[in-house]
Amino acid sequence: MIKIIPVNEFKQIPWKNGQGVTTELAINKGSSVHDFDWRLSVASVVENGAFSDFSGYVRQLVLIEGNGITLSHGNNKIDKLEKLLDVATFDGANSTIGSLHDGPIKDFNIMTKSSKFISTVETIVEKKSMFLKHSSLCFIYGLRNNIEVTNQNDIKAILPQGHLMQINNNSDRLMIIAENTIIITINEREK
């Protein structure tokens, strides 16, 4: 099932550390910012500072606007997001400090409960067509252009720029034509 979540359904949520606001695009049903299985959001970072503690979660951060940010984590790992659609993956329990390179940035965040889910983030910079991987849950987000998704019966769905597409139980052969796009797949961990 394909569902398009329009921009007017996104929610403004204060950061846990009180230092800013996140635009929440999607979160698993029946959850809150303090207890969820997975969550997708977009945040503007306007100053250097500490990231909120999300112990128990894996965080993936994608640069979607601005001149970059360096993430210094408590485990001595450093991630530099310098180009559009660069991705960092890190433990939400780390004490992470963000240092802006040259002015504010905007990032796309994927958080999944590490004990229950595995998420994969794929970014498409140059225009291309490809088949989506099978997954129990898939999201597509386009930065600058509309995105076309076609199923095996040649039925097309168009995702407008800035909206979010959610695909549940993707077992069809879905083809995507996209550029400047983020594709997120979320699957339950094997027990």
C-alpha atoms as a PDB file:
ATOM      1  CA  MET A   1       0.000   0.000   0.000  1.00  0.00           C
ATOM      2  CA  ILE A   2       1.290   3.437  -1.010  1.00  0.00           C
ATOM      3  CA  LYS A   3       0.354   6.494   1.031  1.00  0.00           C
ATOM      4  CA  ILE A   4       1.475  10.072   0.473  1.00  0.00           C
ATOM      5  CA  ILE A   5       1.845  12.135   3.652  1.00  0.00           C
ATOM      6  CA  PRO A   6       1.428  15.799   2.666  1.00  0.00           C
ATOM      7  CA  VAL A   7       3.418  18.638   4.194  1.00  0.00           C
ATOM      8  CA  ASN A   8       0.335  19.980   6.027  1.00  0.00           C
ATOM      9  CA  GLU A   9       0.235  16.756   8.120  1.00  0.00           C
ATOM     10  CA  PHE A  10       3.798  17.206   9.423  1.00  0.00           C
ATOM     11  CA  LYS A  11       4.006  18.261  13.100  1.00  0.00           C
ATOM     12  CA  GLN A  12       6.272  20.724  14.899  1.00  0.00           C
ATOM     13  CA  ILE A  13       7.818  19.027  17.964  1.00  0.00           C
ATOM     14  CA  PRO A  14      10.255  20.642  20.466  1.00  0.00           C
ATOM     15  CA  TRP A  15      13.652  18.958  20.782  1.00  0.00           C
ATOM     16  CA  LYS A  16      14.119  16.831  23.889  1.00  0.00           C
ATOM     17  CA  ASN A  17      17.005  19.088  24.947  1.00  0.00           C
ATOM     18  CA  GLY A  18      14.937  22.247  24.400  1.00  0.00           C
ATOM     19  CA  GLN A  19      17.444  23.754  21.932  1.00  0.00           C
ATOM     20  CA  GLY A  20      15.184  23.796  18.863  1.00  0.00           C
ATOM     21  CA  VAL A  21      12.195  22.380  16.990  1.00  0.00           C
ATOM     22  CA  THR A  22      11.856  19.331  14.755  1.00  0.00           C
ATOM     23  CA  THR A  23       9.369  18.848  11.957  1.00  0.00           C
ATOM     24  CA  GLU A  24       8.074  15.318  12.516  1.00  0.00           C
ATOM     25  CA  LEU A  25       7.155  13.706   9.182  1.00  0.00           C
ATOM     26  CA  ALA A  26       6.146  10.249  10.423  1.00  0.00           C
ATOM     27  CA  ILE A  27       6.209   8.162  13.604  1.00  0.00           C
ATOM     28  CA  ASN A  28       4.873   4.682  14.294  1.00  0.00           C
ATOM     29  CA  LYS A  29       1.229   4.609  15.369  1.00  0.00           C
ATOM     30  CA  GLY A  30       0.438   5.008  19.066  1.00  0.00           C
ATOM     31  CA  SER A  31       3.800   6.446  20.059  1.00  0.00           C
ATOM     32  CA  SER A  32       5.284   9.686  21.367  1.00  0.00           C
ATOM     33  CA  VAL A  33       8.610  11.511  21.122  1.00  0.00           C
ATOM     34  CA  HIS A  34       9.646   9.748  24.357  1.00  0.00           C
ATOM     35  CA  ASP A  35       8.689   6.202  23.290  1.00  0.00           C
ATOM     36  CA  PHE A  36       8.558   5.125  19.648  1.00  0.00           C
ATOM     37  CA  ASP A  37       9.753   2.311  17.389  1.00  0.00           C
ATOM     38  CA  TRP A  38      10.719   4.524  14.459  1.00  0.00           C
ATOM     39  CA  ARG A  39      10.508   8.213  13.611  1.00  0.00           C
ATOM     40  CA  LEU A  40      11.356  10.446  10.625  1.00  0.00           C
ATOM     41  CA  SER A  41      11.900  14.169  11.019  1.00  0.00           C
ATOM     42  CA  VAL A  42      13.587  17.254   9.595  1.00  0.00           C
ATOM     43  CA  ALA A  43      15.446  19.742  11.792  1.00  0.00           C
ATOM     44  CA  SER A  44      17.198  23.059  11.291  1.00  0.00           C
ATOM     45  CA  VAL A  45      20.471  23.421  13.179  1.00  0.00           C
ATOM     46  CA  VAL A  46      21.362  27.102  13.594  1.00  0.00           C
ATOM     47  CA  GLU A  47      24.150  26.903  16.184  1.00  0.00           C
ATOM     48  CA  ASN A  48      26.776  24.499  17.480  1.00  0.00           C
ATOM     49  CA  GLY A  49      25.653  22.296  20.344  1.00  0.00           C
ATOM     50  CA  ALA A  50      24.800  18.956  21.906  1.00  0.00           C
ATOM     51  CA  PHE A  51      22.337  16.555  20.326  1.00  0.00           C
ATOM     52  CA  SER A  52      19.451  15.152  22.385  1.00  0.00           C
ATOM     53  CA  ASP A  53      19.991  11.822  24.162  1.00  0.00           C
ATOM     54  CA  PHE A  54      18.143   9.034  22.340  1.00  0.00           C
ATOM     55  CA  SER A  55      19.511   6.013  24.216  1.00  0.00           C
ATOM     56  CA  GLY A  56      18.194   2.763  22.759  1.00  0.00           C
ATOM     57  CA  TYR A  57      17.955   4.171  19.220  1.00  0.00           C
ATOM     58  CA  VAL A  58      20.120   4.165  16.110  1.00  0.00           C
ATOM     59  CA  ARG A  59      20.194   7.601  14.493  1.00  0.00           C
ATOM     60  CA  GLN A  60      20.821   8.329  10.839  1.00  0.00           C
ATOM     61  CA  LEU A  61      21.267  11.934   9.810  1.00  0.00           C
ATOM     62  CA  VAL A  62      21.234  13.190   6.192  1.00  0.00           C
ATOM     63  CA  LEU A  63      22.378  16.676   5.180  1.00  0.00           C
ATOM     64  CA  ILE A  64      19.597  18.230   3.072  1.00  0.00           C
ATOM     65  CA  GLU A  65      20.526  21.939   3.128  1.00  0.00           C
ATOM     66  CA  GLY A  66      23.476  24.132   4.073  1.00  0.00           C
ATOM     67  CA  ASN A  67      27.270  23.992   4.085  1.00  0.00           C
ATOM     68  CA  GLY A  68      27.775  21.047   6.400  1.00  0.00           C
ATOM     69  CA  ILE A  69      28.187  19.899   9.966  1.00  0.00           C
ATOM     70  CA  THR A  70      30.729  17.807  11.856  1.00  0.00           C
ATOM     71  CA  LEU A  71      29.378  15.382  14.456  1.00  0.00           C
ATOM     72  CA  SER A  72      31.777  14.510  17.278  1.00  0.00           C
ATOM     73  CA  HIS A  73      30.548  11.483  19.225  1.00  0.00           C
ATOM     74  CA  GLY A  74      31.425  10.373  22.770  1.00  0.00           C
ATOM     75  CA  ASN A  75      33.016   7.187  21.392  1.00  0.00           C
ATOM     76  CA  ASN A  76      35.675   9.310  19.584  1.00  0.00           C
ATOM     77  CA  LYS A  77      33.989   8.766  16.206  1.00  0.00           C
ATOM     78  CA  ILE A  78      33.664  11.808  13.935  1.00  0.00           C
ATOM     79  CA  ASP A  79      31.225  12.175  11.030  1.00  0.00           C
ATOM     80  CA  LYS A  80      31.602  15.015   8.544  1.00  0.00           C
ATOM     81  CA  LEU A  81      28.539  15.843   6.478  1.00  0.00           C
ATOM     82  CA  GLU A  82      29.864  18.162   3.774  1.00  0.00           C
ATOM     83  CA  LYS A  83      27.844  17.489   0.631  1.00  0.00           C
ATOM     84  CA  LEU A  84      24.122  17.367  -0.016  1.00  0.00           C
ATOM     85  CA  LEU A  85      22.759  13.938   0.999  1.00  0.00           C
ATOM     86  CA  ASP A  86      25.839  12.871   3.000  1.00  0.00           C
ATOM     87  CA  VAL A  87      24.741  10.389   5.712  1.00  0.00           C
ATOM     88  CA  ALA A  88      25.962   9.690   9.267  1.00  0.00           C
ATOM     89  CA  THR A  89      24.858   6.693  11.349  1.00  0.00           C
ATOM     90  CA  PHE A  90      25.421   6.715  15.107  1.00  0.00           C
ATOM     91  CA  ASP A  91      24.195   5.447  18.463  1.00  0.00           C
ATOM     92  CA  GLY A  92      21.569   7.770  19.961  1.00  0.00           C
ATOM     93  CA  ALA A  93      23.124   7.211  23.405  1.00  0.00           C
ATOM     94  CA  ASN A  94      26.388   8.877  22.339  1.00  0.00           C
ATOM     95  CA  SER A  95      27.049  12.350  23.642  1.00  0.00           C
ATOM     96  CA  THR A  96      27.122  13.945  20.193  1.00  0.00           C
ATOM     97  CA  ILE A  97      28.176  17.539  19.548  1.00  0.00           C
ATOM     98  CA  GLY A  98      27.365  19.214  16.234  1.00  0.00           C
ATOM     99  CA  SER A  99      29.704  21.893  14.841  1.00  0.00           C
ATOM    100  CA  LEU A 100      28.436  23.861  11.852  1.00  0.00           C
ATOM    101  CA  HIS A 101      30.891  24.451   8.996  1.00  0.00           C
ATOM    102  CA  ASP A 102      29.561  27.753   7.646  1.00  0.00           C
ATOM    103  CA  GLY A 103      26.081  28.785   8.705  1.00  0.00           C
ATOM    104  CA  PRO A 104      22.893  26.873   9.518  1.00  0.00           C
ATOM    105  CA  ILE A 105      21.986  23.503   8.045  1.00  0.00           C
ATOM    106  CA  LYS A 106      18.889  21.389   7.705  1.00  0.00           C
ATOM    107  CA  ASP A 107      19.015  17.631   8.265  1.00  0.00           C
ATOM    108  CA  PHE A 108      16.709  14.667   7.745  1.00  0.00           C
ATOM    109  CA  ASN A 109      16.659  12.309  10.762  1.00  0.00           C
ATOM    110  CA  ILE A 110      15.799   8.622  10.902  1.00  0.00           C
ATOM    111  CA  MET A 111      15.605   7.033  14.352  1.00  0.00           C
ATOM    112  CA  THR A 112      14.840   3.367  14.976  1.00  0.00           C
ATOM    113  CA  LYS A 113      14.650   1.417  18.231  1.00  0.00           C
ATOM    114  CA  SER A 114      17.846  -0.622  18.053  1.00  0.00           C
ATOM    115  CA  SER A 115      16.424  -3.664  19.835  1.00  0.00           C
ATOM    116  CA  LYS A 116      13.535  -4.049  17.366  1.00  0.00           C
ATOM    117  CA  PHE A 117      14.339  -2.561  13.947  1.00  0.00           C
ATOM    118  CA  ILE A 118      17.035  -2.146  11.328  1.00  0.00           C
ATOM    119  CA  SER A 119      16.869   0.808   8.956  1.00  0.00           C
ATOM    120  CA  THR A 120      18.775   1.416   5.758  1.00  0.00           C
ATOM    121  CA  VAL A 121      19.199   4.826   4.183  1.00  0.00           C
ATOM    122  CA  GLU A 122      19.983   5.222   0.496  1.00  0.00           C
ATOM    123  CA  THR A 123      20.462   8.590  -1.174  1.00  0.00           C
ATOM    124  CA  ILE A 124      20.128   9.358  -4.877  1.00  0.00           C
ATOM    125  CA  VAL A 125      21.914  12.494  -6.049  1.00  0.00           C
ATOM    126  CA  GLU A 126      21.909  12.170  -9.861  1.00  0.00           C
ATOM    127  CA  LYS A 127      18.706  11.269 -11.718  1.00  0.00           C
ATOM    128  CA  LYS A 128      18.272   7.528 -12.126  1.00  0.00           C
ATOM    129  CA  SER A 129      15.689   4.774 -12.188  1.00  0.00           C
ATOM    130  CA  MET A 130      15.854   1.708  -9.978  1.00  0.00           C
ATOM    131  CA  PHE A 131      13.729  -0.965  -8.337  1.00  0.00           C
ATOM    132  CA  LEU A 132      12.957  -0.531  -4.655  1.00  0.00           C
ATOM    133  CA  LYS A 133      14.124  -3.272  -2.293  1.00  0.00           C
ATOM    134  CA  HIS A 134      11.558  -5.487  -0.595  1.00  0.00           C
ATOM    135  CA  SER A 135      10.796  -4.253   2.906  1.00  0.00           C
ATOM    136  CA  SER A 136       8.065  -4.204   5.505  1.00  0.00           C
ATOM    137  CA  LEU A 137       8.183  -0.397   5.503  1.00  0.00           C
ATOM    138  CA  CYS A 138       9.700   2.069   3.029  1.00  0.00           C
ATOM    139  CA  PHE A 139       9.712   5.871   2.920  1.00  0.00           C
ATOM    140  CA  ILE A 140      10.698   8.176   0.064  1.00  0.00           C
ATOM    141  CA  TYR A 141      11.471  11.877   0.420  1.00  0.00           C
ATOM    142  CA  GLY A 142      12.461  14.203  -2.446  1.00  0.00           C
ATOM    143  CA  LEU A 143      14.321  17.456  -1.900  1.00  0.00           C
ATOM    144  CA  ARG A 144      13.788  19.294  -5.163  1.00  0.00           C
ATOM    145  CA  ASN A 145      11.714  17.387  -7.707  1.00  0.00           C
ATOM    146  CA  ASN A 146       8.600  15.280  -7.981  1.00  0.00           C
ATOM    147  CA  ILE A 147       9.315  11.541  -7.843  1.00  0.00           C
ATOM    148  CA  GLU A 148       7.644   8.893  -9.951  1.00  0.00           C
ATOM    149  CA  VAL A 149       6.937   5.399  -8.592  1.00  0.00           C
ATOM    150  CA  THR A 150       5.535   2.743 -10.941  1.00  0.00           C
ATOM    151  CA  ASN A 151       4.243  -0.711  -9.986  1.00  0.00           C
ATOM    152  CA  GLN A 152       4.393  -3.907 -12.038  1.00  0.00           C
ATOM    153  CA  ASN A 153       1.038  -3.034 -13.690  1.00  0.00           C
ATOM    154  CA  ASP A 154       2.431   0.328 -14.898  1.00  0.00           C
ATOM    155  CA  ILE A 155       0.282   2.278 -12.424  1.00  0.00           C
ATOM    156  CA  LYS A 156       2.136   5.428 -11.467  1.00  0.00           C
ATOM    157  CA  ALA A 157       2.153   7.406  -8.239  1.00  0.00           C
ATOM    158  CA  ILE A 158       3.700  10.881  -8.172  1.00  0.00           C
ATOM    159  CA  LEU A 159       5.301  12.122  -4.965  1.00  0.00           C
ATOM    160  CA  PRO A 160       5.371  15.943  -4.863  1.00  0.00           C
ATOM    161  CA  GLN A 161       8.593  17.604  -3.704  1.00  0.00           C
ATOM    162  CA  GLY A 162       8.826  17.900   0.094  1.00  0.00           C
ATOM    163  CA  HIS A 163       6.030  15.385   0.799  1.00  0.00           C
ATOM    164  CA  LEU A 164       6.708  11.891   2.176  1.00  0.00           C
ATOM    165  CA  MET A 165       5.705   8.592   0.561  1.00  0.00           C
ATOM    166  CA  GLN A 166       5.094   5.592   2.830  1.00  0.00           C
ATOM    167  CA  ILE A 167       5.003   2.109   1.326  1.00  0.00           C
ATOM    168  CA  ASN A 168       3.833  -0.709   3.613  1.00  0.00           C
ATOM    169  CA  ASN A 169       4.813  -4.324   2.909  1.00  0.00           C
ATOM    170  CA  ASN A 170       6.608  -3.627  -0.337  1.00  0.00           C
ATOM    171  CA  SER A 171       6.544  -6.966  -2.121  1.00  0.00           C
ATOM    172  CA  ASP A 172       5.681  -5.547  -5.562  1.00  0.00           C
ATOM    173  CA  ARG A 173       8.341  -4.664  -8.067  1.00  0.00           C
ATOM    174  CA  LEU A 174       8.188  -0.928  -7.661  1.00  0.00           C
ATOM    175  CA  MET A 175      10.360   1.231  -9.888  1.00  0.00           C
ATOM    176  CA  ILE A 176      11.385   4.727  -8.876  1.00  0.00           C
ATOM    177  CA  ILE A 177      12.670   7.544 -11.066  1.00  0.00           C
ATOM    178  CA  ALA A 178      14.273  10.144  -8.843  1.00  0.00           C
ATOM    179  CA  GLU A 179      17.111  12.531  -8.037  1.00  0.00           C
ATOM    180  CA  ASN A 180      18.009  14.379  -4.831  1.00  0.00           C
ATOM    181  CA  THR A 181      16.043  11.735  -2.967  1.00  0.00           C
ATOM    182  CA  ILE A 182      16.238   9.819   0.311  1.00  0.00           C
ATOM    183  CA  ILE A 183      14.955   6.229   0.488  1.00  0.00           C
ATOM    184  CA  ILE A 184      14.525   4.635   3.914  1.00  0.00           C
ATOM    185  CA  THR A 185      13.716   0.964   4.480  1.00  0.00           C
ATOM    186  CA  ILE A 186      12.746  -0.293   7.929  1.00  0.00           C
ATOM    187  CA  ASN A 187      12.555  -3.980   8.814  1.00  0.00           C
ATOM    188  CA  GLU A 188      12.102  -5.832  12.091  1.00  0.00           C
ATOM    189  CA  ARG A 189      15.190  -7.461  13.523  1.00  0.00           C
ATOM    190  CA  GLU A 190      15.228 -11.226  13.287  1.00  0.00           C
ATOM    191  CA  LYS A 191      14.649 -12.830  16.667  1.00  0.00           C
END
